[in-house]
Amino acid sequence: MRAPAGGEGSGVADPEKFTGYDRLRRLRYLSRAGKIPDSFYSSENIEQITLELLAEAAAQRVRHVEVRVGGRRGFALLGTRRMLEAMARARGRAEREQGITSGFLITLVRERGPEEAEQRVREAIACRDCGVVGVDLAGDEQNYPPALFARAMDLAREAGLGITVHAGEFAGPASIWTAVYQLGARRLGHGIRAAEDPELLYRLRERGVTLELCPTSNLRLGLCDSMEALPIRQLMAAGVSVTVNSDDPVLLGTDISRELEIVARTFALTSDEVRALVDTASRAAFSAPSALP
């Protein structure tokens, strides 16, 4: 699926004319159907949306999922606890009705600064009873380096929350080094540019850091010329812990089943290798997944 190009009079630049994070910004802008009225931000709607999301995952035979929560507007309108309590109710219903377990990761957006990141971490800590299991530092890694968010991540780590950081996606290996050694990341969103640094691959393997690979996302954002160019085989051969993920399913028109199928076909993975990817995801989860069959 390709994003619609900005036509004449649309006022939106064609995302394909940009690369990296600028392309992502434009894809997100084009995906908006219009401003959602404030009145739609109710506990009931948040619960229903969360329940539908988990039901869709369960329909793909997903047993456990960690959902990123970055709803700044929802947090502001409902309050963080009310929003997460609504999601927690859906989480409980989905486990009872669909047999799927889940946990929530609070997304910290770099562009919003370290002060807001610390506030979000404190809110995440206060809402652990709602199923919050970790935090995810995302956003513009080139202009907002990981070191700015060291204090926020210290708070998360001290509270026992899992830490994942988007790194090695739009910036090079240096971003990964700092994410791991300054922020204590146990997982890396994307991390594909680790393949450029043999010493880094060794360190990731030794520290047991897991890469959350998102193939369609990397291709759509122009981070690789083709699916075959993704360094998945190289990373696996180096012994790095690798998983396959969907990133933003609605924006990218994909899901976890499709991503696994694409990777298996493109790189001629055996059934055992595909199973290993799923097993790795289970072991790397910040919350406790159900046992795999």
Protein backbone atom coordinates (compact mmCIF):
# COMPACT_ATOMS: atom_id res chain seq x y z
CA MET A 1 0.00 0.00 0.00
CA ARG A 2 1.30 3.45 -0.88
CA ALA A 3 0.33 6.64 0.83
CA PRO A 4 -1.82 8.97 -1.25
CA ALA A 5 0.20 11.71 -2.88
CA GLY A 6 -0.67 15.28 -2.13
CA GLY A 7 -2.65 16.41 -5.13
CA GLU A 8 -3.14 19.89 -6.51
CA GLY A 9 -4.78 22.06 -3.90
CA SER A 10 -4.30 19.52 -1.15
CA GLY A 11 -1.66 21.59 0.58
CA VAL A 12 0.21 18.41 1.49
CA ALA A 13 3.61 17.55 0.02
CA ASP A 14 3.99 14.11 -1.54
CA PRO A 15 5.64 11.91 1.12
CA GLU A 16 7.57 10.06 -1.58
CA LYS A 17 9.61 13.23 -2.18
CA PHE A 18 11.04 12.94 1.33
CA THR A 19 12.99 10.32 3.23
CA GLY A 20 13.28 9.19 6.82
CA TYR A 21 11.47 11.01 9.58
CA ASP A 22 10.22 13.77 7.27
CA ARG A 23 8.43 11.16 5.18
CA LEU A 24 6.92 9.65 8.33
CA ARG A 25 5.57 13.03 9.40
CA ARG A 26 3.86 13.51 6.04
CA LEU A 27 2.43 10.00 5.97
CA ARG A 28 0.92 10.59 9.39
CA TYR A 29 -0.52 13.91 8.30
CA LEU A 30 -2.14 12.40 5.22
CA SER A 31 -3.59 9.53 7.25
CA ARG A 32 -5.69 11.85 9.37
CA ALA A 33 -9.34 11.87 8.43
CA GLY A 34 -9.87 15.20 10.18
CA LYS A 35 -9.74 16.41 13.73
CA ILE A 36 -11.53 14.09 16.12
CA PRO A 37 -14.00 16.05 18.28
CA ASP A 38 -13.06 16.26 21.94
CA SER A 39 -16.38 14.66 22.83
CA PHE A 40 -15.21 11.40 21.22
CA TYR A 41 -12.50 11.05 23.85
CA SER A 42 -14.57 9.14 26.38
CA SER A 43 -13.64 6.22 28.60
CA GLU A 44 -16.18 4.09 26.78
CA ASN A 45 -14.69 4.81 23.36
CA ILE A 46 -11.13 4.24 24.52
CA GLU A 47 -12.16 0.91 26.02
CA GLN A 48 -13.94 -0.15 22.82
CA ILE A 49 -11.04 0.87 20.56
CA THR A 50 -8.59 -1.06 22.73
CA LEU A 51 -10.86 -4.10 22.79
CA GLU A 52 -11.16 -4.07 18.99
CA LEU A 53 -7.40 -3.76 18.59
CA LEU A 54 -6.79 -6.75 20.84
CA ALA A 55 -9.53 -8.75 19.13
CA GLU A 56 -7.89 -8.13 15.75
CA ALA A 57 -4.59 -9.39 17.12
CA ALA A 58 -6.26 -12.45 18.62
CA ALA A 59 -7.87 -13.20 15.25
CA GLN A 60 -4.33 -13.55 13.85
CA ARG A 61 -3.62 -16.12 16.57
CA VAL A 62 -1.43 -13.69 18.48
CA ARG A 63 -1.18 -14.88 22.08
CA HIS A 64 0.42 -11.82 23.65
CA VAL A 65 0.87 -8.22 22.53
CA GLU A 66 2.47 -5.07 23.90
CA VAL A 67 0.54 -1.98 22.81
CA ARG A 68 2.24 1.40 22.55
CA VAL A 69 0.18 4.24 23.99
CA GLY A 70 1.09 7.73 22.80
CA GLY A 71 -2.23 9.55 23.06
CA ARG A 72 -1.13 12.98 24.23
CA ARG A 73 -4.55 14.45 23.51
CA GLY A 74 -6.32 11.58 25.19
CA PHE A 75 -4.12 11.96 28.25
CA ALA A 76 -4.91 15.69 28.35
CA LEU A 77 -8.68 15.32 27.91
CA LEU A 78 -9.30 12.26 30.04
CA GLY A 79 -6.33 12.29 32.36
CA THR A 80 -3.69 9.61 32.17
CA ARG A 81 -5.23 7.33 34.78
CA ARG A 82 -8.75 7.44 33.34
CA MET A 83 -7.43 6.65 29.87
CA LEU A 84 -5.27 3.76 31.06
CA GLU A 85 -8.02 2.43 33.32
CA ALA A 86 -10.30 2.28 30.27
CA MET A 87 -7.62 0.40 28.36
CA ALA A 88 -7.09 -1.91 31.32
CA ARG A 89 -10.78 -2.85 31.32
CA ALA A 90 -10.46 -3.80 27.65
CA ARG A 91 -7.29 -5.72 28.46
CA GLY A 92 -9.15 -7.80 31.04
CA ARG A 93 -12.10 -8.40 28.72
CA ALA A 94 -9.84 -9.45 25.86
CA GLU A 95 -8.04 -11.96 28.03
CA ARG A 96 -11.33 -13.46 29.23
CA GLU A 97 -13.12 -13.40 25.89
CA GLN A 98 -10.30 -13.79 23.34
CA GLY A 99 -7.57 -15.53 25.34
CA ILE A 100 -5.01 -12.83 24.49
CA THR A 101 -2.79 -11.25 27.13
CA SER A 102 -1.29 -7.78 26.81
CA GLY A 103 0.73 -4.99 28.37
CA PHE A 104 1.04 -1.28 27.61
CA LEU A 105 4.12 0.76 26.72
CA ILE A 106 3.92 4.52 27.22
CA THR A 107 5.49 6.33 24.27
CA LEU A 108 7.79 9.26 24.99
CA VAL A 109 8.14 11.55 21.98
CA ARG A 110 11.54 13.21 21.65
CA GLU A 111 10.23 16.41 20.08
CA ARG A 112 8.15 17.11 23.17
CA GLY A 113 11.27 17.43 25.28
CA PRO A 114 12.81 15.76 28.33
CA GLU A 115 10.47 17.45 30.82
CA GLU A 116 7.37 15.92 29.26
CA ALA A 117 9.19 12.60 29.01
CA GLU A 118 9.84 12.62 32.75
CA GLN A 119 6.21 13.51 33.41
CA ARG A 120 5.02 10.62 31.25
CA VAL A 121 7.38 8.21 33.01
CA ARG A 122 6.05 9.27 36.43
CA GLU A 123 2.51 8.73 35.14
CA ALA A 124 3.49 5.32 33.78
CA ILE A 125 4.92 4.33 37.16
CA ALA A 126 1.75 5.45 38.92
CA CYS A 127 -0.38 3.39 36.52
CA ARG A 128 1.44 0.07 36.62
CA ASP A 129 -1.73 -1.46 38.06
CA CYS A 130 -3.40 -0.63 34.72
CA GLY A 131 -1.05 -2.92 32.81
CA VAL A 132 1.80 -0.51 32.05
CA VAL A 133 4.95 -2.58 31.61
CA GLY A 134 7.43 -0.21 29.98
CA VAL A 135 8.24 2.99 28.15
CA ASP A 136 9.28 3.61 24.55
CA LEU A 137 11.40 6.59 23.47
CA ALA A 138 10.41 7.44 19.90
CA GLY A 139 10.46 10.35 17.49
CA ASP A 140 13.20 12.32 15.75
CA GLU A 141 16.41 10.58 16.83
CA GLN A 142 18.66 12.72 14.62
CA ASN A 143 17.79 16.04 16.26
CA TYR A 144 16.90 14.80 19.74
CA PRO A 145 19.68 12.42 20.86
CA PRO A 146 19.08 9.82 23.56
CA ALA A 147 21.26 11.56 26.15
CA LEU A 148 18.59 14.26 26.58
CA PHE A 149 16.29 11.64 28.09
CA ALA A 150 18.69 9.95 30.50
CA ARG A 151 16.86 11.18 33.60
CA ALA A 152 13.49 9.95 32.34
CA MET A 153 14.93 6.53 31.59
CA ASP A 154 16.67 6.39 34.96
CA LEU A 155 13.28 6.88 36.61
CA ALA A 156 11.73 4.13 34.49
CA ARG A 157 14.54 1.68 35.14
CA GLU A 158 14.56 2.35 38.90
CA ALA A 159 10.83 1.58 38.95
CA GLY A 160 11.35 -1.70 37.12
CA LEU A 161 9.74 -0.67 33.85
CA GLY A 162 11.05 -2.09 30.58
CA ILE A 163 12.89 0.33 28.30
CA THR A 164 12.80 0.28 24.53
CA VAL A 165 14.28 3.06 22.39
CA HIS A 166 13.83 3.85 18.71
CA ALA A 167 17.44 3.96 17.50
CA GLY A 168 19.38 2.99 14.41
CA GLU A 169 16.36 3.83 12.26
CA PHE A 170 16.91 7.39 11.02
CA ALA A 171 20.36 7.79 12.61
CA GLY A 172 23.45 5.60 12.50
CA PRO A 173 25.15 3.22 14.94
CA ALA A 174 26.12 6.03 17.33
CA SER A 175 22.44 6.44 18.19
CA ILE A 176 22.30 2.77 19.16
CA TRP A 177 25.43 2.94 21.30
CA THR A 178 23.97 5.81 23.34
CA ALA A 179 20.53 4.20 23.58
CA VAL A 180 22.09 1.07 25.07
CA TYR A 181 24.86 2.51 27.22
CA GLN A 182 23.34 5.85 28.31
CA LEU A 183 19.67 4.91 28.51
CA GLY A 184 19.89 1.21 29.35
CA ALA A 185 17.65 0.09 26.48
CA ARG A 186 16.88 -3.62 26.55
CA ARG A 187 15.11 -3.42 23.21
CA LEU A 188 15.63 -1.18 20.19
CA GLY A 189 12.90 -0.01 17.84
CA HIS A 190 14.26 -0.96 14.41
CA GLY A 191 18.03 -0.85 15.03
CA ILE A 192 18.79 -1.93 11.47
CA ARG A 193 21.86 0.29 11.19
CA ALA A 194 23.61 -1.81 13.80
CA ALA A 195 24.62 -3.92 10.81
CA GLU A 196 27.10 -1.18 9.86
CA ASP A 197 29.21 -1.70 13.01
CA PRO A 198 30.67 -5.19 13.74
CA GLU A 199 31.74 -4.18 17.26
CA LEU A 200 28.22 -2.98 18.01
CA LEU A 201 26.75 -6.28 16.81
CA TYR A 202 29.05 -8.07 19.25
CA ARG A 203 27.97 -5.80 22.12
CA LEU A 204 24.28 -6.21 21.34
CA ARG A 205 24.67 -9.97 21.34
CA GLU A 206 26.64 -9.98 24.60
CA ARG A 207 24.15 -7.71 26.37
CA GLY A 208 21.12 -9.58 25.03
CA VAL A 209 19.59 -6.46 23.46
CA THR A 210 16.67 -7.26 21.17
CA LEU A 211 16.00 -5.51 17.86
CA GLU A 212 12.37 -4.83 16.99
CA LEU A 213 12.58 -5.03 13.19
CA CYS A 214 9.72 -3.53 11.18
CA PRO A 215 10.33 -4.45 7.51
CA THR A 216 7.40 -2.72 5.79
CA SER A 217 7.99 0.43 7.80
CA ASN A 218 11.66 0.57 6.80
CA LEU A 219 10.78 0.06 3.15
CA ARG A 220 7.96 2.61 3.11
CA LEU A 221 10.11 5.26 4.79
CA GLY A 222 12.90 4.86 2.26
CA LEU A 223 15.40 3.41 4.72
CA CYS A 224 16.17 0.56 2.33
CA ASP A 225 15.86 0.27 -1.44
CA SER A 226 14.13 -3.10 -1.33
CA MET A 227 12.94 -5.69 1.15
CA GLU A 228 15.90 -7.85 0.14
CA ALA A 229 18.25 -5.05 1.27
CA LEU A 230 17.16 -5.28 4.90
CA PRO A 231 20.04 -6.78 6.93
CA ILE A 232 17.89 -9.39 8.65
CA ARG A 233 20.09 -12.34 7.67
CA GLN A 234 23.22 -10.45 8.69
CA LEU A 235 21.80 -9.62 12.10
CA MET A 236 20.61 -13.16 12.69
CA ALA A 237 23.97 -14.58 11.58
CA ALA A 238 25.71 -12.27 14.07
CA GLY A 239 23.67 -13.84 16.87
CA VAL A 240 21.74 -10.65 17.64
CA SER A 241 18.30 -11.12 19.18
CA VAL A 242 15.82 -10.23 16.40
CA THR A 243 12.03 -9.97 16.28
CA VAL A 244 9.61 -8.98 13.52
CA ASN A 245 6.99 -6.31 14.25
CA SER A 246 4.22 -4.36 12.52
CA ASP A 247 5.15 -0.83 13.67
CA ASP A 248 2.03 1.21 12.80
CA PRO A 249 -0.50 -1.23 11.24
CA VAL A 250 -3.12 1.36 10.25
CA LEU A 251 -0.65 3.79 8.73
CA LEU A 252 1.29 1.11 6.88
CA GLY A 253 -1.55 -1.20 5.93
CA THR A 254 0.03 -4.26 7.51
CA ASP A 255 -0.12 -6.55 10.52
CA ILE A 256 2.18 -8.97 12.30
CA SER A 257 1.07 -11.99 10.24
CA ARG A 258 1.82 -10.16 7.00
CA GLU A 259 5.22 -9.01 8.27
CA LEU A 260 6.25 -12.52 9.24
CA GLU A 261 5.05 -13.87 5.89
CA ILE A 262 6.99 -11.21 3.95
CA VAL A 263 10.19 -11.88 5.89
CA ALA A 264 9.86 -15.65 5.56
CA ARG A 265 9.30 -15.42 1.81
CA THR A 266 11.92 -12.77 1.07
CA PHE A 267 14.71 -14.42 3.05
CA ALA A 268 13.65 -18.04 2.52
CA LEU A 269 13.35 -18.67 6.25
CA THR A 270 12.63 -22.19 7.41
CA SER A 271 9.71 -22.91 9.69
CA ASP A 272 12.19 -23.33 12.55
CA GLU A 273 13.67 -19.91 11.84
CA VAL A 274 10.23 -18.29 11.84
CA ARG A 275 9.42 -20.05 15.08
CA ALA A 276 12.70 -18.75 16.53
CA LEU A 277 11.62 -15.18 15.73
CA VAL A 278 8.37 -15.73 17.62
CA ASP A 279 10.17 -17.38 20.54
CA THR A 280 12.57 -14.43 20.72
CA ALA A 281 9.65 -12.02 20.89
CA SER A 282 8.17 -14.04 23.75
CA ARG A 283 11.41 -13.96 25.72
CA ALA A 284 11.95 -10.24 25.09
CA ALA A 285 8.49 -9.19 26.27
CA PHE A 286 8.40 -6.82 29.24
CA SER A 287 5.24 -8.47 30.50
CA ALA A 288 4.74 -12.19 30.95
CA PRO A 289 3.33 -13.78 27.78
CA SER A 290 1.30 -16.93 27.86
CA ALA A 291 3.38 -20.04 27.20
CA LEU A 292 3.73 -20.79 23.52
CA PRO A 293 2.20 -24.07 22.36
